[in-house]
Each structure stands twice: as structure tokens, then as C-alpha cells.
């Protein structure tokens, strides 16, 4: 979409009284900028797959105050991680890896009860996790998990691993790690042998 189309859309929404906004903040994260440079330089060759992990634990609100407003967990109020995050992954994928051909996702409400800002319990009716798979026109497959109920060790709030014919890289908010094909260690499966630590 160009500037003229964006302005037309803005004026249309404003005239109709529709709440609107445009966000593309993830594109300017240093880690994703570095990833874009690698991709544009041909570092990966043909990109085969991209795996993304986003999320953190959002407290339920009963023992510790929640970090997100309660409407985020009520679908009747426009809440849900699918509506919140898939739009971000759309522009990241479009701008870094290629045009999306198809998308499938499964949303889940893993935590069914939460407590609101007044410490009153309520039923969570919106999804708090989404598991999405995007097929790109260039043949790459992108899988992105987004969750407000994960607490595993993560190197960053969001990470993207890109695997291509010529190389692989992992990007977070600020950092990028890329060993390249020549420096990549050879993995061997030897039944009965303990893996190296």
C-alpha cells in the first residue's frame, strides 16, 4: 500500500467514525533490521522456513497484578491474541520474507479464569495463545507461536529463526546470530552415544 492509498483509507475511516490505527513498529527493531539485511544480501539463499516464538507470562491477577488490561481476555470486548498479534506477523513476513499465500492458525484459551483491575474474577473468553502457519508464494513456510501464557527460558521477547539453503540465523529484538553454512557444526546421530553437553 502506498501513501495515497493509506491516506484514502485514513480519511474513509475518520469519516465513518471508525477507530483506526497503523502499526509497523516491529520492522524497525534492530534484530529484524539485521535479518532483513542478511536476507537482501542473499546470505540465506532460498529461504526454506522461518520459526517465530513470541510471548511471556501474563499474571492471572489473583496473586500478582496482571500486566495487561482485562479486556484483552474478553472476546466480546475485542480481546484476543489472534487479533492483537497476527497483524504484526503479517507485515513482518510480507516485508522480510515474501508475500503470504495462505494462513492457518489455531487459537486457544489456556487460562479460562482471570482477575480484573478491581481484583474481581471473570471468565476469559478470548484466546491467549495462537499457533500460526503461513505459506508464502515463494515456497517458504513460516510458523509463529504467540502466547501470553509461556514462562520458559527465552533469549528475547520474540525470536525468529530463519533457515535457508546457504545459511541460518536467529534474530531477537536487538541481536542476530548467524554461523553461516561453512561454520555450522555437523550433527551426527549415533544411537547409544550420549549427546555432547
C-alpha atoms as a PDB file:
ATOM      1  CA  UNK A   1       0.000   0.000   0.000  1.00  0.00           C
ATOM      2  CA  UNK A   2       1.355   3.401  -0.924  1.00  0.00           C
ATOM      3  CA  UNK A   3       0.932   6.758   0.811  1.00  0.00           C
ATOM      4  CA  UNK A   4      -2.071   7.831  -1.306  1.00  0.00           C
ATOM      5  CA  UNK A   5      -3.940   4.587  -0.565  1.00  0.00           C
ATOM      6  CA  UNK A   6      -3.086   4.855   3.133  1.00  0.00           C
ATOM      7  CA  UNK A   7      -4.386   8.432   3.283  1.00  0.00           C
ATOM      8  CA  UNK A   8      -7.600   7.426   1.467  1.00  0.00           C
ATOM      9  CA  UNK A   9      -8.132   4.657   3.994  1.00  0.00           C
ATOM     10  CA  UNK A  10      -7.445   7.047   6.875  1.00  0.00           C
ATOM     11  CA  UNK A  11      -9.964   9.625   5.589  1.00  0.00           C
ATOM     12  CA  UNK A  12     -12.586   6.925   4.945  1.00  0.00           C
ATOM     13  CA  UNK A  13     -12.246   5.539   8.499  1.00  0.00           C
ATOM     14  CA  UNK A  14     -12.355   9.010  10.011  1.00  0.00           C
ATOM     15  CA  UNK A  15     -15.476   9.998   8.036  1.00  0.00           C
ATOM     16  CA  UNK A  16     -17.237   6.795   9.149  1.00  0.00           C
ATOM     17  CA  UNK A  17     -16.221   7.248  12.800  1.00  0.00           C
ATOM     18  CA  UNK A  18     -14.244   4.003  12.778  1.00  0.00           C
ATOM     19  CA  UNK A  19     -11.485   3.531  15.341  1.00  0.00           C
ATOM     20  CA  UNK A  20      -8.276   3.063  13.360  1.00  0.00           C
ATOM     21  CA  UNK A  21      -4.519   2.976  13.510  1.00  0.00           C
ATOM     22  CA  UNK A  22      -1.445   1.758  11.688  1.00  0.00           C
ATOM     23  CA  UNK A  23       1.398  -0.011  13.401  1.00  0.00           C
ATOM     24  CA  UNK A  24       4.586  -1.380  11.873  1.00  0.00           C
ATOM     25  CA  UNK A  25       6.884  -0.988  14.844  1.00  0.00           C
ATOM     26  CA  UNK A  26       8.374  -4.490  14.661  1.00  0.00           C
ATOM     27  CA  UNK A  27      10.004  -3.725  11.283  1.00  0.00           C
ATOM     28  CA  UNK A  28      12.372  -1.234  12.905  1.00  0.00           C
ATOM     29  CA  UNK A  29      13.683  -3.483  15.679  1.00  0.00           C
ATOM     30  CA  UNK A  30      17.483  -3.742  15.325  1.00  0.00           C
ATOM     31  CA  UNK A  31      17.424  -7.565  15.236  1.00  0.00           C
ATOM     32  CA  UNK A  32      14.860  -7.629  12.418  1.00  0.00           C
ATOM     33  CA  UNK A  33      16.701  -4.895  10.510  1.00  0.00           C
ATOM     34  CA  UNK A  34      19.836  -7.065  10.636  1.00  0.00           C
ATOM     35  CA  UNK A  35      17.790 -10.059   9.494  1.00  0.00           C
ATOM     36  CA  UNK A  36      16.447  -8.047   6.565  1.00  0.00           C
ATOM     37  CA  UNK A  37      19.982  -7.072   5.540  1.00  0.00           C
ATOM     38  CA  UNK A  38      21.089 -10.715   5.606  1.00  0.00           C
ATOM     39  CA  UNK A  39      18.115 -11.787   3.505  1.00  0.00           C
ATOM     40  CA  UNK A  40      18.544  -8.967   0.969  1.00  0.00           C
ATOM     41  CA  UNK A  41      22.270  -9.756   0.662  1.00  0.00           C
ATOM     42  CA  UNK A  42      21.487 -13.341  -0.344  1.00  0.00           C
ATOM     43  CA  UNK A  43      23.044 -14.808   2.814  1.00  0.00           C
ATOM     44  CA  UNK A  44      20.319 -17.478   3.179  1.00  0.00           C
ATOM     45  CA  UNK A  45      19.986 -18.345  -0.484  1.00  0.00           C
ATOM     46  CA  UNK A  46      16.486 -19.723  -0.887  1.00  0.00           C
ATOM     47  CA  UNK A  47      14.661 -19.360   2.437  1.00  0.00           C
ATOM     48  CA  UNK A  48      13.130 -22.703   3.394  1.00  0.00           C
ATOM     49  CA  UNK A  49      11.469 -21.918   6.705  1.00  0.00           C
ATOM     50  CA  UNK A  50      11.063 -19.326   9.419  1.00  0.00           C
ATOM     51  CA  UNK A  51      10.128 -20.120  13.014  1.00  0.00           C
ATOM     52  CA  UNK A  52       8.990 -17.411  15.373  1.00  0.00           C
ATOM     53  CA  UNK A  53       8.333 -17.513  19.100  1.00  0.00           C
ATOM     54  CA  UNK A  54       6.685 -14.603  20.891  1.00  0.00           C
ATOM     55  CA  UNK A  55       5.317 -14.310  24.362  1.00  0.00           C
ATOM     56  CA  UNK A  56       5.583 -14.048  28.092  1.00  0.00           C
ATOM     57  CA  UNK A  57       3.570 -14.997  31.146  1.00  0.00           C
ATOM     58  CA  UNK A  58       0.768 -12.572  31.913  1.00  0.00           C
ATOM     59  CA  UNK A  59      -0.240 -12.994  35.539  1.00  0.00           C
ATOM     60  CA  UNK A  60      -3.824 -14.082  36.079  1.00  0.00           C
ATOM     61  CA  UNK A  61      -4.355 -11.249  38.570  1.00  0.00           C
ATOM     62  CA  UNK A  62      -5.254 -13.262  41.654  1.00  0.00           C
ATOM     63  CA  UNK A  63      -1.811 -13.385  43.312  1.00  0.00           C
ATOM     64  CA  UNK A  64       0.019 -10.683  41.384  1.00  0.00           C
ATOM     65  CA  UNK A  65      -1.391  -7.777  39.354  1.00  0.00           C
ATOM     66  CA  UNK A  66      -1.796  -8.557  35.665  1.00  0.00           C
ATOM     67  CA  UNK A  67       0.408  -6.735  33.138  1.00  0.00           C
ATOM     68  CA  UNK A  68      -2.365  -6.370  30.539  1.00  0.00           C
ATOM     69  CA  UNK A  69      -5.871  -4.901  30.796  1.00  0.00           C
ATOM     70  CA  UNK A  70      -8.705  -7.362  31.354  1.00  0.00           C
ATOM     71  CA  UNK A  71     -10.465  -6.518  28.079  1.00  0.00           C
ATOM     72  CA  UNK A  72      -7.566  -8.344  26.317  1.00  0.00           C
ATOM     73  CA  UNK A  73      -9.064 -11.611  27.580  1.00  0.00           C
ATOM     74  CA  UNK A  74     -12.718 -10.960  26.676  1.00  0.00           C
ATOM     75  CA  UNK A  75     -13.663 -11.590  23.040  1.00  0.00           C
ATOM     76  CA  UNK A  76     -16.863  -9.548  23.487  1.00  0.00           C
ATOM     77  CA  UNK A  77     -14.637  -6.504  24.164  1.00  0.00           C
ATOM     78  CA  UNK A  78     -12.361  -7.094  21.163  1.00  0.00           C
ATOM     79  CA  UNK A  79      -9.689  -9.011  23.048  1.00  0.00           C
ATOM     80  CA  UNK A  80      -7.585 -11.948  21.969  1.00  0.00           C
ATOM     81  CA  UNK A  81      -4.013 -12.565  20.930  1.00  0.00           C
ATOM     82  CA  UNK A  82      -5.025 -13.501  17.364  1.00  0.00           C
ATOM     83  CA  UNK A  83      -6.411 -10.010  16.739  1.00  0.00           C
ATOM     84  CA  UNK A  84      -3.505  -8.448  18.618  1.00  0.00           C
ATOM     85  CA  UNK A  85      -0.510 -10.258  17.095  1.00  0.00           C
ATOM     86  CA  UNK A  86      -1.294 -11.861  13.703  1.00  0.00           C
ATOM     87  CA  UNK A  87      -1.484  -8.387  12.118  1.00  0.00           C
ATOM     88  CA  UNK A  88       2.087  -7.723  13.325  1.00  0.00           C
ATOM     89  CA  UNK A  89       3.392 -11.004  11.930  1.00  0.00           C
ATOM     90  CA  UNK A  90       1.668 -10.253   8.624  1.00  0.00           C
ATOM     91  CA  UNK A  91       3.691  -7.110   7.926  1.00  0.00           C
ATOM     92  CA  UNK A  92       6.901  -8.652   9.283  1.00  0.00           C
ATOM     93  CA  UNK A  93       6.545 -11.650   6.963  1.00  0.00           C
ATOM     94  CA  UNK A  94       5.496  -9.524   3.962  1.00  0.00           C
ATOM     95  CA  UNK A  95       8.421  -7.147   4.370  1.00  0.00           C
ATOM     96  CA  UNK A  96      11.170  -9.613   5.326  1.00  0.00           C
ATOM     97  CA  UNK A  97      10.361 -12.949   3.701  1.00  0.00           C
ATOM     98  CA  UNK A  98       7.728 -12.636   0.961  1.00  0.00           C
ATOM     99  CA  UNK A  99       4.046 -12.421   0.179  1.00  0.00           C
ATOM    100  CA  UNK A 100       1.680 -14.689   2.077  1.00  0.00           C
ATOM    101  CA  UNK A 101      -0.245 -17.244   0.041  1.00  0.00           C
ATOM    102  CA  UNK A 102      -2.210 -18.842   2.884  1.00  0.00           C
ATOM    103  CA  UNK A 103      -2.563 -18.780   6.667  1.00  0.00           C
ATOM    104  CA  UNK A 104      -3.940 -21.276   9.131  1.00  0.00           C
ATOM    105  CA  UNK A 105      -3.988 -20.824  12.863  1.00  0.00           C
ATOM    106  CA  UNK A 106      -5.373 -22.347  15.996  1.00  0.00           C
ATOM    107  CA  UNK A 107      -6.269 -20.115  18.899  1.00  0.00           C
ATOM    108  CA  UNK A 108      -6.542 -21.383  22.444  1.00  0.00           C
ATOM    109  CA  UNK A 109      -7.743 -20.060  25.762  1.00  0.00           C
ATOM    110  CA  UNK A 110      -5.310 -21.838  28.041  1.00  0.00           C
ATOM    111  CA  UNK A 111      -6.206 -19.881  31.181  1.00  0.00           C
ATOM    112  CA  UNK A 112     -10.014 -19.731  31.496  1.00  0.00           C
ATOM    113  CA  UNK A 113     -10.293 -17.569  34.632  1.00  0.00           C
ATOM    114  CA  UNK A 114      -8.567 -14.275  35.385  1.00  0.00           C
ATOM    115  CA  UNK A 115      -8.957 -11.310  37.734  1.00  0.00           C
ATOM    116  CA  UNK A 116      -9.602  -7.767  36.509  1.00  0.00           C
ATOM    117  CA  UNK A 117      -8.164  -4.411  37.569  1.00  0.00           C
ATOM    118  CA  UNK A 118     -10.520  -4.315  40.608  1.00  0.00           C
ATOM    119  CA  UNK A 119      -9.349  -7.816  41.594  1.00  0.00           C
ATOM    120  CA  UNK A 120     -12.700  -9.360  40.598  1.00  0.00           C
ATOM    121  CA  UNK A 121     -12.693 -12.779  38.914  1.00  0.00           C
ATOM    122  CA  UNK A 122     -14.027 -13.099  35.372  1.00  0.00           C
ATOM    123  CA  UNK A 123     -14.253 -15.727  32.644  1.00  0.00           C
ATOM    124  CA  UNK A 124     -11.608 -15.362  29.915  1.00  0.00           C
ATOM    125  CA  UNK A 125     -13.455 -15.719  26.604  1.00  0.00           C
ATOM    126  CA  UNK A 126     -10.660 -14.660  24.248  1.00  0.00           C
ATOM    127  CA  UNK A 127      -7.680 -16.645  23.013  1.00  0.00           C
ATOM    128  CA  UNK A 128      -4.446 -16.182  24.978  1.00  0.00           C
ATOM    129  CA  UNK A 129      -2.288 -18.230  22.583  1.00  0.00           C
ATOM    130  CA  UNK A 130      -2.157 -18.707  18.820  1.00  0.00           C
ATOM    131  CA  UNK A 131      -0.245 -21.242  16.756  1.00  0.00           C
ATOM    132  CA  UNK A 132       0.005 -19.989  13.162  1.00  0.00           C
ATOM    133  CA  UNK A 133       1.420 -21.388   9.926  1.00  0.00           C
ATOM    134  CA  UNK A 134       1.898 -19.171   6.878  1.00  0.00           C
ATOM    135  CA  UNK A 135       2.633 -20.485   3.395  1.00  0.00           C
ATOM    136  CA  UNK A 136       4.453 -17.959   1.214  1.00  0.00           C
ATOM    137  CA  UNK A 137       4.225 -17.609  -2.569  1.00  0.00           C
ATOM    138  CA  UNK A 138       7.996 -18.221  -2.768  1.00  0.00           C
ATOM    139  CA  UNK A 139       7.570 -21.655  -1.157  1.00  0.00           C
ATOM    140  CA  UNK A 140       8.839 -20.795   2.340  1.00  0.00           C
ATOM    141  CA  UNK A 141       6.848 -21.945   5.369  1.00  0.00           C
ATOM    142  CA  UNK A 142       6.601 -19.650   8.409  1.00  0.00           C
ATOM    143  CA  UNK A 143       5.455 -20.903  11.810  1.00  0.00           C
ATOM    144  CA  UNK A 144       4.849 -18.398  14.596  1.00  0.00           C
ATOM    145  CA  UNK A 145       3.632 -19.179  18.103  1.00  0.00           C
ATOM    146  CA  UNK A 146       2.349 -16.275  20.183  1.00  0.00           C
ATOM    147  CA  UNK A 147       1.317 -16.702  23.800  1.00  0.00           C
ATOM    148  CA  UNK A 148       0.544 -14.772  26.959  1.00  0.00           C
ATOM    149  CA  UNK A 149       0.960 -17.941  28.977  1.00  0.00           C
ATOM    150  CA  UNK A 150       4.530 -19.156  28.481  1.00  0.00           C
ATOM    151  CA  UNK A 151       7.284 -18.932  31.021  1.00  0.00           C
ATOM    152  CA  UNK A 152      10.058 -20.990  29.544  1.00  0.00           C
ATOM    153  CA  UNK A 153      13.562 -19.553  29.272  1.00  0.00           C
ATOM    154  CA  UNK A 154      13.777 -17.344  26.235  1.00  0.00           C
ATOM    155  CA  UNK A 155      16.617 -15.273  24.897  1.00  0.00           C
ATOM    156  CA  UNK A 156      14.206 -12.484  23.994  1.00  0.00           C
ATOM    157  CA  UNK A 157      10.534 -11.471  23.948  1.00  0.00           C
ATOM    158  CA  UNK A 158      10.432 -12.539  20.314  1.00  0.00           C
ATOM    159  CA  UNK A 159      12.841 -14.672  18.297  1.00  0.00           C
ATOM    160  CA  UNK A 160      12.897 -15.625  14.633  1.00  0.00           C
ATOM    161  CA  UNK A 161      14.961 -18.498  13.264  1.00  0.00           C
ATOM    162  CA  UNK A 162      15.482 -18.443   9.502  1.00  0.00           C
ATOM    163  CA  UNK A 163      16.807 -21.498   7.681  1.00  0.00           C
ATOM    164  CA  UNK A 164      17.903 -21.244   4.082  1.00  0.00           C
ATOM    165  CA  UNK A 165      19.863 -23.349   1.614  1.00  0.00           C
ATOM    166  CA  UNK A 166      23.077 -21.383   2.294  1.00  0.00           C
ATOM    167  CA  UNK A 167      22.764 -20.391   5.937  1.00  0.00           C
ATOM    168  CA  UNK A 168      20.698 -19.918   9.075  1.00  0.00           C
ATOM    169  CA  UNK A 169      20.238 -17.119  11.573  1.00  0.00           C
ATOM    170  CA  UNK A 170      18.360 -16.335  14.766  1.00  0.00           C
ATOM    171  CA  UNK A 171      17.170 -12.801  15.480  1.00  0.00           C
ATOM    172  CA  UNK A 172      15.691 -11.234  18.591  1.00  0.00           C
ATOM    173  CA  UNK A 173      14.714  -7.666  19.354  1.00  0.00           C
ATOM    174  CA  UNK A 174      18.298  -6.389  19.176  1.00  0.00           C
ATOM    175  CA  UNK A 175      20.646  -9.278  18.365  1.00  0.00           C
ATOM    176  CA  UNK A 176      21.318 -11.517  15.412  1.00  0.00           C
ATOM    177  CA  UNK A 177      23.286 -14.770  15.440  1.00  0.00           C
ATOM    178  CA  UNK A 178      24.361 -16.333  12.136  1.00  0.00           C
ATOM    179  CA  UNK A 179      27.040 -19.012  11.852  1.00  0.00           C
ATOM    180  CA  UNK A 180      26.706 -19.469   8.085  1.00  0.00           C
ATOM    181  CA  UNK A 181      26.989 -22.762   6.251  1.00  0.00           C
ATOM    182  CA  UNK A 182      30.750 -23.256   6.499  1.00  0.00           C
ATOM    183  CA  UNK A 183      30.846 -22.728  10.278  1.00  0.00           C
ATOM    184  CA  UNK A 184      27.776 -24.838  11.017  1.00  0.00           C
ATOM    185  CA  UNK A 185      28.692 -27.923  13.074  1.00  0.00           C
ATOM    186  CA  UNK A 186      27.885 -31.323  11.603  1.00  0.00           C
ATOM    187  CA  UNK A 187      25.223 -33.142  13.579  1.00  0.00           C
ATOM    188  CA  UNK A 188      25.564 -36.898  13.898  1.00  0.00           C
ATOM    189  CA  UNK A 189      23.069 -39.301  15.309  1.00  0.00           C
ATOM    190  CA  UNK A 190      24.825 -42.222  16.946  1.00  0.00           C
ATOM    191  CA  UNK A 191      22.401 -44.471  18.833  1.00  0.00           C
ATOM    192  CA  UNK A 192      23.648 -45.384  22.280  1.00  0.00           C
ATOM    193  CA  UNK A 193      26.053 -42.430  22.479  1.00  0.00           C
ATOM    194  CA  UNK A 194      25.236 -39.685  24.963  1.00  0.00           C
ATOM    195  CA  UNK A 195      24.860 -36.247  23.350  1.00  0.00           C
ATOM    196  CA  UNK A 196      27.554 -33.650  23.934  1.00  0.00           C
ATOM    197  CA  UNK A 197      26.554 -31.171  26.680  1.00  0.00           C
END
